[in-house]
C-alpha atoms as a PDB file:
ATOM      1  CA  MET A   1       4.226 -10.403  -8.054  1.00  0.00           C
ATOM      2  CA  SER A   2       0.529  -9.854  -7.419  1.00  0.00           C
ATOM      3  CA  ALA A   3      -0.144 -13.597  -7.158  1.00  0.00           C
ATOM      4  CA  PHE A   4       2.534 -13.928  -4.453  1.00  0.00           C
ATOM      5  CA  LEU A   5       1.230 -10.929  -2.520  1.00  0.00           C
ATOM      6  CA  ASN A   6      -2.397 -12.061  -2.749  1.00  0.00           C
ATOM      7  CA  GLN A   7      -1.505 -15.616  -1.687  1.00  0.00           C
ATOM      8  CA  HIS A   8       0.651 -14.692   1.293  1.00  0.00           C
ATOM      9  CA  PHE A   9      -0.959 -11.407   2.364  1.00  0.00           C
ATOM     10  CA  PRO A  10      -4.567 -11.476   1.122  1.00  0.00           C
ATOM     11  CA  GLU A  11      -5.893  -8.696   3.366  1.00  0.00           C
ATOM     12  CA  ALA A  12      -2.948  -6.301   2.971  1.00  0.00           C
ATOM     13  CA  HIS A  13      -3.148  -2.820   1.471  1.00  0.00           C
ATOM     14  CA  TYR A  14      -0.028  -1.832  -0.441  1.00  0.00           C
ATOM     15  CA  LYS A  15       1.528   1.552  -1.034  1.00  0.00           C
ATOM     16  CA  ALA A  16       4.494   2.480  -3.206  1.00  0.00           C
ATOM     17  CA  ALA A  17       6.478   5.642  -3.869  1.00  0.00           C
ATOM     18  CA  TYR A  18       8.678   6.454  -6.831  1.00  0.00           C
ATOM     19  CA  GLU A  19      10.913   9.359  -7.685  1.00  0.00           C
ATOM     20  CA  ALA A  20       9.464  11.435 -10.514  1.00  0.00           C
ATOM     21  CA  GLY A  21      11.164  10.870 -13.847  1.00  0.00           C
ATOM     22  CA  LYS A  22      10.607   9.935 -17.453  1.00  0.00           C
ATOM     23  CA  PHE A  23      10.096   6.215 -16.704  1.00  0.00           C
ATOM     24  CA  VAL A  24       7.515   6.655 -13.951  1.00  0.00           C
ATOM     25  CA  PHE A  25       4.330   6.447 -16.033  1.00  0.00           C
ATOM     26  CA  TRP A  26       4.400   2.754 -16.997  1.00  0.00           C
ATOM     27  CA  VAL A  27       5.201   1.821 -13.386  1.00  0.00           C
ATOM     28  CA  GLN A  28       2.229   3.877 -12.186  1.00  0.00           C
ATOM     29  CA  ARG A  29      -0.099   2.195 -14.668  1.00  0.00           C
ATOM     30  CA  GLU A  30       1.043  -1.299 -13.662  1.00  0.00           C
ATOM     31  CA  LEU A  31       0.696  -0.660  -9.929  1.00  0.00           C
ATOM     32  CA  THR A  32      -2.692   0.991 -10.387  1.00  0.00           C
ATOM     33  CA  GLN A  33      -3.937  -2.125 -12.187  1.00  0.00           C
ATOM     34  CA  LEU A  34      -2.787  -4.176  -9.193  1.00  0.00           C
ATOM     35  CA  HIS A  35      -4.708  -1.841  -6.847  1.00  0.00           C
ATOM     36  CA  ILE A  36      -1.508  -0.602  -5.217  1.00  0.00           C
ATOM     37  CA  GLU A  37      -1.657   2.978  -3.996  1.00  0.00           C
ATOM     38  CA  TYR A  38       1.082   4.908  -5.781  1.00  0.00           C
ATOM     39  CA  LEU A  39       2.748   8.219  -5.031  1.00  0.00           C
ATOM     40  CA  VAL A  40       5.164  10.082  -7.298  1.00  0.00           C
ATOM     41  CA  LEU A  41       7.717  12.114  -5.342  1.00  0.00           C
ATOM     42  CA  ASN A  42       9.652  15.208  -6.289  1.00  0.00           C
ATOM     43  CA  PRO A  43      13.366  14.305  -5.888  1.00  0.00           C
ATOM     44  CA  ALA A  44      14.050  17.648  -4.207  1.00  0.00           C
ATOM     45  CA  ASP A  45      11.558  16.786  -1.448  1.00  0.00           C
ATOM     46  CA  ILE A  46      13.193  13.460  -0.477  1.00  0.00           C
ATOM     47  CA  PRO A  47      15.229  13.862   2.728  1.00  0.00           C
ATOM     48  CA  LYS A  48      18.922  12.969   2.524  1.00  0.00           C
ATOM     49  CA  SER A  49      21.208  11.853   5.297  1.00  0.00           C
ATOM     50  CA  GLN A  50      24.234  14.036   5.899  1.00  0.00           C
END
């Protein structure tokens, strides 16, 4: 993934968001190593369409 992004979008700054849960920590570590800004969200704070 990082090779593709770096090849096609070398000057881009990436951000990601993930709903908090028990599997979030390994994802956070991987994205941090790739220098991708990462935000963990509280599920109750995510807007829902009616």
